[in-house]
Amino acid sequence: MTRHVFCQKYHAQLEGLERPPFPGPSGQAIYEHVSKDAWQAWLKHQTLLINEKHLSLMAPETQAYLAEQRERFLTNQSYDHADGYVAPPQSSQQSSQQSSNQSADTPTDTTK
């Protein structure tokens, strides 16, 4: 049986994570208040920030920066974007497939 949470990002009752994403109070708060869809959207955005800003995950300042951005992203505050990033062009076949599918930032409501 899947568990549901009221997602603080999407403001809807959605499927929750199976377990906290990391130990400690922050991981527990995410587990209790962030949907699986919102977490996946954050992971995608985090990867974009790391790659485009050439961040070193070993640097304590990078870890603090990503923690701050994660909080801002998941609570719908203003958050950083990768400067100058341009998504790769899609072929017409990919575009038609994606238009029939939901985007990664759109939650899937399984309660209906």
N, C-alpha and C. Protein backbone atom coordinates (compact mmCIF):
# COMPACT_ATOMS: atom_id res chain seq x y z
N MET A 1 0.84 -1.19 0.00
CA MET A 1 0.00 0.00 0.00
C MET A 1 0.89 1.24 0.00
N THR A 2 0.60 2.15 -0.88
CA THR A 2 1.39 3.38 -0.95
C THR A 2 0.89 4.38 0.10
N ARG A 3 1.83 5.15 0.60
CA ARG A 3 1.47 6.19 1.57
C ARG A 3 1.35 7.52 0.83
N HIS A 4 0.50 8.37 1.34
CA HIS A 4 0.27 9.68 0.74
C HIS A 4 0.61 10.77 1.74
N VAL A 5 1.08 11.89 1.20
CA VAL A 5 1.40 13.06 2.02
C VAL A 5 0.76 14.28 1.37
N PHE A 6 0.53 15.30 2.17
CA PHE A 6 0.14 16.58 1.59
C PHE A 6 1.43 17.27 1.20
N CYS A 7 1.69 17.36 -0.10
CA CYS A 7 2.96 17.85 -0.62
C CYS A 7 3.05 19.37 -0.48
N GLN A 8 4.11 19.83 0.18
CA GLN A 8 4.30 21.27 0.39
C GLN A 8 4.66 22.00 -0.91
N LYS A 9 5.14 21.30 -1.92
CA LYS A 9 5.46 21.94 -3.19
C LYS A 9 4.22 22.06 -4.07
N TYR A 10 3.49 20.97 -4.22
CA TYR A 10 2.35 20.94 -5.15
C TYR A 10 1.01 21.21 -4.47
N HIS A 11 1.00 21.35 -3.15
CA HIS A 11 -0.23 21.64 -2.39
C HIS A 11 -1.35 20.68 -2.75
N ALA A 12 -1.02 19.38 -2.73
CA ALA A 12 -1.99 18.34 -3.02
C ALA A 12 -1.60 17.07 -2.28
N GLN A 13 -2.59 16.22 -2.08
CA GLN A 13 -2.36 14.92 -1.46
C GLN A 13 -1.81 13.99 -2.54
N LEU A 14 -0.55 13.58 -2.40
CA LEU A 14 0.12 12.79 -3.43
C LEU A 14 0.90 11.64 -2.80
N GLU A 15 1.34 10.74 -3.64
CA GLU A 15 2.14 9.61 -3.17
C GLU A 15 3.43 10.10 -2.54
N GLY A 16 3.73 9.57 -1.35
CA GLY A 16 4.94 9.97 -0.64
C GLY A 16 6.12 9.08 -0.95
N LEU A 17 7.26 9.46 -0.41
CA LEU A 17 8.48 8.67 -0.56
C LEU A 17 8.35 7.39 0.26
N GLU A 18 9.10 6.37 -0.13
CA GLU A 18 9.08 5.10 0.58
C GLU A 18 9.84 5.19 1.91
N ARG A 19 10.85 6.06 1.96
CA ARG A 19 11.66 6.24 3.16
C ARG A 19 12.30 7.63 3.10
N PRO A 20 12.77 8.13 4.23
CA PRO A 20 13.45 9.44 4.19
C PRO A 20 14.64 9.38 3.22
N PRO A 21 14.87 10.44 2.46
CA PRO A 21 15.94 10.41 1.46
C PRO A 21 17.34 10.43 2.06
N PHE A 22 17.46 10.88 3.30
CA PHE A 22 18.73 10.87 4.02
C PHE A 22 18.43 10.98 5.51
N PRO A 23 19.39 10.62 6.38
CA PRO A 23 19.13 10.64 7.82
C PRO A 23 19.03 12.06 8.37
N GLY A 24 18.44 12.16 9.55
CA GLY A 24 18.38 13.44 10.25
C GLY A 24 17.03 14.12 10.10
N PRO A 25 16.88 15.27 10.77
CA PRO A 25 15.61 16.00 10.77
C PRO A 25 15.18 16.48 9.38
N SER A 26 16.13 16.92 8.56
CA SER A 26 15.76 17.39 7.21
C SER A 26 15.20 16.25 6.37
N GLY A 27 15.85 15.10 6.44
CA GLY A 27 15.37 13.93 5.70
C GLY A 27 14.00 13.50 6.17
N GLN A 28 13.77 13.55 7.47
CA GLN A 28 12.47 13.18 8.03
C GLN A 28 11.39 14.17 7.60
N ALA A 29 11.71 15.46 7.59
CA ALA A 29 10.75 16.49 7.17
C ALA A 29 10.37 16.30 5.70
N ILE A 30 11.35 15.98 4.86
CA ILE A 30 11.06 15.73 3.45
C ILE A 30 10.15 14.52 3.32
N TYR A 31 10.46 13.46 4.06
CA TYR A 31 9.64 12.25 4.04
C TYR A 31 8.19 12.55 4.41
N GLU A 32 7.98 13.42 5.36
CA GLU A 32 6.64 13.72 5.86
C GLU A 32 5.86 14.74 5.03
N HIS A 33 6.57 15.61 4.26
CA HIS A 33 5.89 16.73 3.62
C HIS A 33 6.15 16.90 2.12
N VAL A 34 6.91 15.99 1.52
CA VAL A 34 7.25 16.13 0.10
C VAL A 34 6.83 14.87 -0.64
N SER A 35 6.16 15.04 -1.77
CA SER A 35 5.71 13.90 -2.56
C SER A 35 6.87 13.29 -3.35
N LYS A 36 6.64 12.09 -3.81
CA LYS A 36 7.62 11.40 -4.65
C LYS A 36 7.89 12.21 -5.93
N ASP A 37 6.83 12.77 -6.52
CA ASP A 37 6.98 13.57 -7.74
C ASP A 37 7.81 14.84 -7.50
N ALA A 38 7.56 15.51 -6.38
CA ALA A 38 8.32 16.72 -6.07
C ALA A 38 9.78 16.38 -5.81
N TRP A 39 10.04 15.26 -5.14
CA TRP A 39 11.42 14.86 -4.86
C TRP A 39 12.15 14.54 -6.17
N GLN A 40 11.48 13.85 -7.08
CA GLN A 40 12.10 13.54 -8.37
C GLN A 40 12.39 14.82 -9.15
N ALA A 41 11.49 15.79 -9.08
CA ALA A 41 11.72 17.08 -9.75
C ALA A 41 12.93 17.78 -9.15
N TRP A 42 13.07 17.71 -7.80
CA TRP A 42 14.23 18.31 -7.15
C TRP A 42 15.52 17.62 -7.60
N LEU A 43 15.53 16.30 -7.63
CA LEU A 43 16.74 15.58 -8.03
C LEU A 43 17.17 15.97 -9.45
N LYS A 44 16.21 16.13 -10.32
CA LYS A 44 16.51 16.56 -11.70
C LYS A 44 17.10 17.98 -11.70
N HIS A 45 16.50 18.87 -10.92
CA HIS A 45 16.99 20.25 -10.87
C HIS A 45 18.36 20.31 -10.20
N GLN A 46 18.55 19.53 -9.14
CA GLN A 46 19.84 19.49 -8.45
C GLN A 46 20.95 19.03 -9.41
N THR A 47 20.67 18.01 -10.19
CA THR A 47 21.65 17.51 -11.16
C THR A 47 22.01 18.60 -12.17
N LEU A 48 21.01 19.33 -12.62
CA LEU A 48 21.24 20.44 -13.55
C LEU A 48 22.14 21.50 -12.91
N LEU A 49 21.86 21.87 -11.66
CA LEU A 49 22.70 22.86 -10.97
C LEU A 49 24.14 22.36 -10.83
N ILE A 50 24.31 21.12 -10.41
CA ILE A 50 25.65 20.56 -10.22
C ILE A 50 26.43 20.57 -11.54
N ASN A 51 25.79 20.13 -12.60
CA ASN A 51 26.48 20.03 -13.88
C ASN A 51 26.77 21.39 -14.51
N GLU A 52 25.77 22.25 -14.53
CA GLU A 52 25.92 23.53 -15.23
C GLU A 52 26.76 24.54 -14.44
N LYS A 53 26.75 24.44 -13.13
CA LYS A 53 27.55 25.36 -12.31
C LYS A 53 28.88 24.74 -11.90
N HIS A 54 29.14 23.51 -12.38
CA HIS A 54 30.41 22.81 -12.10
C HIS A 54 30.69 22.75 -10.60
N LEU A 55 29.71 22.30 -9.84
CA LEU A 55 29.83 22.25 -8.39
C LEU A 55 30.58 20.99 -7.95
N SER A 56 31.39 21.13 -6.92
CA SER A 56 32.08 20.01 -6.31
C SER A 56 31.30 19.56 -5.08
N LEU A 57 30.82 18.33 -5.10
CA LEU A 57 30.03 17.84 -3.98
C LEU A 57 30.85 17.61 -2.72
N MET A 58 32.16 17.62 -2.85
CA MET A 58 33.04 17.46 -1.69
C MET A 58 33.19 18.77 -0.90
N ALA A 59 32.89 19.89 -1.52
CA ALA A 59 33.07 21.19 -0.88
C ALA A 59 31.91 21.48 0.08
N PRO A 60 32.22 21.81 1.32
CA PRO A 60 31.15 22.12 2.29
C PRO A 60 30.24 23.27 1.83
N GLU A 61 30.80 24.26 1.13
CA GLU A 61 29.97 25.37 0.67
C GLU A 61 28.98 24.91 -0.41
N THR A 62 29.35 23.92 -1.21
CA THR A 62 28.43 23.36 -2.20
C THR A 62 27.30 22.62 -1.51
N GLN A 63 27.64 21.86 -0.49
CA GLN A 63 26.61 21.12 0.25
C GLN A 63 25.62 22.08 0.91
N ALA A 64 26.13 23.16 1.49
CA ALA A 64 25.25 24.16 2.11
C ALA A 64 24.39 24.85 1.04
N TYR A 65 25.00 25.18 -0.10
CA TYR A 65 24.27 25.81 -1.20
C TYR A 65 23.13 24.91 -1.68
N LEU A 66 23.43 23.63 -1.90
CA LEU A 66 22.40 22.71 -2.39
C LEU A 66 21.30 22.49 -1.36
N ALA A 67 21.65 22.46 -0.07
CA ALA A 67 20.64 22.32 0.98
C ALA A 67 19.70 23.54 0.97
N GLU A 68 20.28 24.73 0.81
CA GLU A 68 19.46 25.94 0.74
C GLU A 68 18.56 25.92 -0.50
N GLN A 69 19.12 25.56 -1.64
CA GLN A 69 18.34 25.51 -2.87
C GLN A 69 17.24 24.46 -2.80
N ARG A 70 17.53 23.33 -2.17
CA ARG A 70 16.53 22.27 -2.01
C ARG A 70 15.34 22.79 -1.20
N GLU A 71 15.64 23.46 -0.10
CA GLU A 71 14.58 24.01 0.75
C GLU A 71 13.74 25.03 -0.03
N ARG A 72 14.41 25.90 -0.78
CA ARG A 72 13.70 26.92 -1.56
C ARG A 72 12.86 26.28 -2.65
N PHE A 73 13.41 25.28 -3.34
CA PHE A 73 12.70 24.59 -4.42
C PHE A 73 11.45 23.89 -3.89
N LEU A 74 11.60 23.17 -2.78
CA LEU A 74 10.50 22.36 -2.27
C LEU A 74 9.43 23.16 -1.55
N THR A 75 9.73 24.43 -1.21
CA THR A 75 8.74 25.29 -0.55
C THR A 75 8.26 26.41 -1.46
N ASN A 76 8.55 26.30 -2.75
CA ASN A 76 8.08 27.25 -3.77
C ASN A 76 8.58 28.67 -3.56
N GLN A 77 9.77 28.79 -3.00
CA GLN A 77 10.42 30.09 -2.91
C GLN A 77 11.26 30.28 -4.18
N SER A 78 11.78 31.46 -4.36
CA SER A 78 12.66 31.73 -5.49
C SER A 78 13.94 30.92 -5.31
N TYR A 79 14.33 30.17 -6.35
CA TYR A 79 15.54 29.34 -6.29
C TYR A 79 16.37 29.56 -7.54
N ASP A 80 17.64 29.20 -7.47
CA ASP A 80 18.58 29.41 -8.57
C ASP A 80 18.29 28.47 -9.74
N HIS A 81 18.58 28.99 -10.91
CA HIS A 81 18.51 28.19 -12.14
C HIS A 81 19.90 28.17 -12.75
N ALA A 82 20.13 27.22 -13.61
CA ALA A 82 21.43 27.13 -14.28
C ALA A 82 21.50 28.23 -15.34
N ASP A 83 22.39 29.20 -15.13
CA ASP A 83 22.54 30.31 -16.07
C ASP A 83 22.97 29.80 -17.44
N GLY A 84 22.28 30.27 -18.45
CA GLY A 84 22.67 29.95 -19.81
C GLY A 84 22.29 28.56 -20.28
N TYR A 85 21.63 27.75 -19.43
CA TYR A 85 21.26 26.40 -19.85
C TYR A 85 20.16 26.46 -20.89
N VAL A 86 20.35 25.73 -21.97
CA VAL A 86 19.35 25.61 -23.01
C VAL A 86 19.08 24.12 -23.18
N ALA A 87 17.83 23.74 -23.02
CA ALA A 87 17.48 22.33 -23.17
C ALA A 87 17.77 21.88 -24.60
N PRO A 88 18.23 20.64 -24.78
CA PRO A 88 18.51 20.16 -26.13
C PRO A 88 17.24 20.12 -26.96
N PRO A 89 17.37 20.37 -28.27
CA PRO A 89 16.17 20.34 -29.13
C PRO A 89 15.60 18.92 -29.18
N GLN A 90 14.29 18.86 -29.31
CA GLN A 90 13.62 17.57 -29.39
C GLN A 90 13.22 17.29 -30.83
N SER A 91 13.26 16.04 -31.20
CA SER A 91 12.75 15.67 -32.52
C SER A 91 11.24 15.74 -32.47
N SER A 92 10.58 15.80 -33.60
CA SER A 92 9.12 15.89 -33.63
C SER A 92 8.48 14.66 -33.00
N GLN A 93 9.11 13.49 -33.12
CA GLN A 93 8.58 12.28 -32.52
C GLN A 93 8.64 12.38 -30.99
N GLN A 94 9.76 12.88 -30.45
CA GLN A 94 9.88 13.04 -29.00
C GLN A 94 8.88 14.06 -28.50
N SER A 95 8.68 15.14 -29.23
CA SER A 95 7.74 16.18 -28.82
C SER A 95 6.33 15.64 -28.73
N SER A 96 5.91 14.85 -29.70
CA SER A 96 4.56 14.32 -29.67
C SER A 96 4.40 13.30 -28.54
N GLN A 97 5.45 12.54 -28.24
CA GLN A 97 5.38 11.59 -27.14
C GLN A 97 5.30 12.33 -25.82
N GLN A 98 6.09 13.38 -25.65
CA GLN A 98 6.09 14.11 -24.40
C GLN A 98 4.80 14.89 -24.20
N SER A 99 4.19 15.38 -25.26
CA SER A 99 2.96 16.12 -25.08
C SER A 99 1.83 15.22 -24.60
N SER A 100 1.93 13.92 -24.88
CA SER A 100 0.91 13.00 -24.40
C SER A 100 1.23 12.51 -22.99
N ASN A 101 2.47 12.71 -22.53
CA ASN A 101 2.86 12.33 -21.18
C ASN A 101 2.90 13.57 -20.30
N GLN A 102 2.82 13.36 -18.98
CA GLN A 102 2.95 14.49 -18.07
C GLN A 102 4.41 14.87 -17.95
N SER A 103 4.67 16.16 -17.68
CA SER A 103 6.04 16.60 -17.47
C SER A 103 6.51 16.18 -16.09
N ALA A 104 7.83 16.22 -15.87
CA ALA A 104 8.42 15.81 -14.59
C ALA A 104 7.98 16.72 -13.45
N ASP A 105 7.63 17.98 -13.73
CA ASP A 105 7.23 18.90 -12.68
C ASP A 105 5.75 18.83 -12.35
N THR A 106 4.98 18.02 -13.09
CA THR A 106 3.56 17.91 -12.85
C THR A 106 3.29 16.70 -11.98
N PRO A 107 2.63 16.87 -10.86
CA PRO A 107 2.40 15.73 -9.97
C PRO A 107 1.36 14.77 -10.56
N THR A 108 1.48 13.54 -10.14
CA THR A 108 0.53 12.52 -10.53
C THR A 108 -0.34 12.24 -9.31
N ASP A 109 -1.62 12.52 -9.42
CA ASP A 109 -2.54 12.28 -8.31
C ASP A 109 -3.10 10.89 -8.45
N THR A 110 -2.70 10.00 -7.53
CA THR A 110 -3.17 8.61 -7.58
C THR A 110 -4.33 8.36 -6.65
N THR A 111 -4.89 9.42 -6.05
CA THR A 111 -5.98 9.25 -5.12
C THR A 111 -7.34 9.19 -5.81
N LYS A 112 -7.38 9.48 -7.08
CA LYS A 112 -8.67 9.51 -7.80
C LYS A 112 -9.03 8.13 -8.31
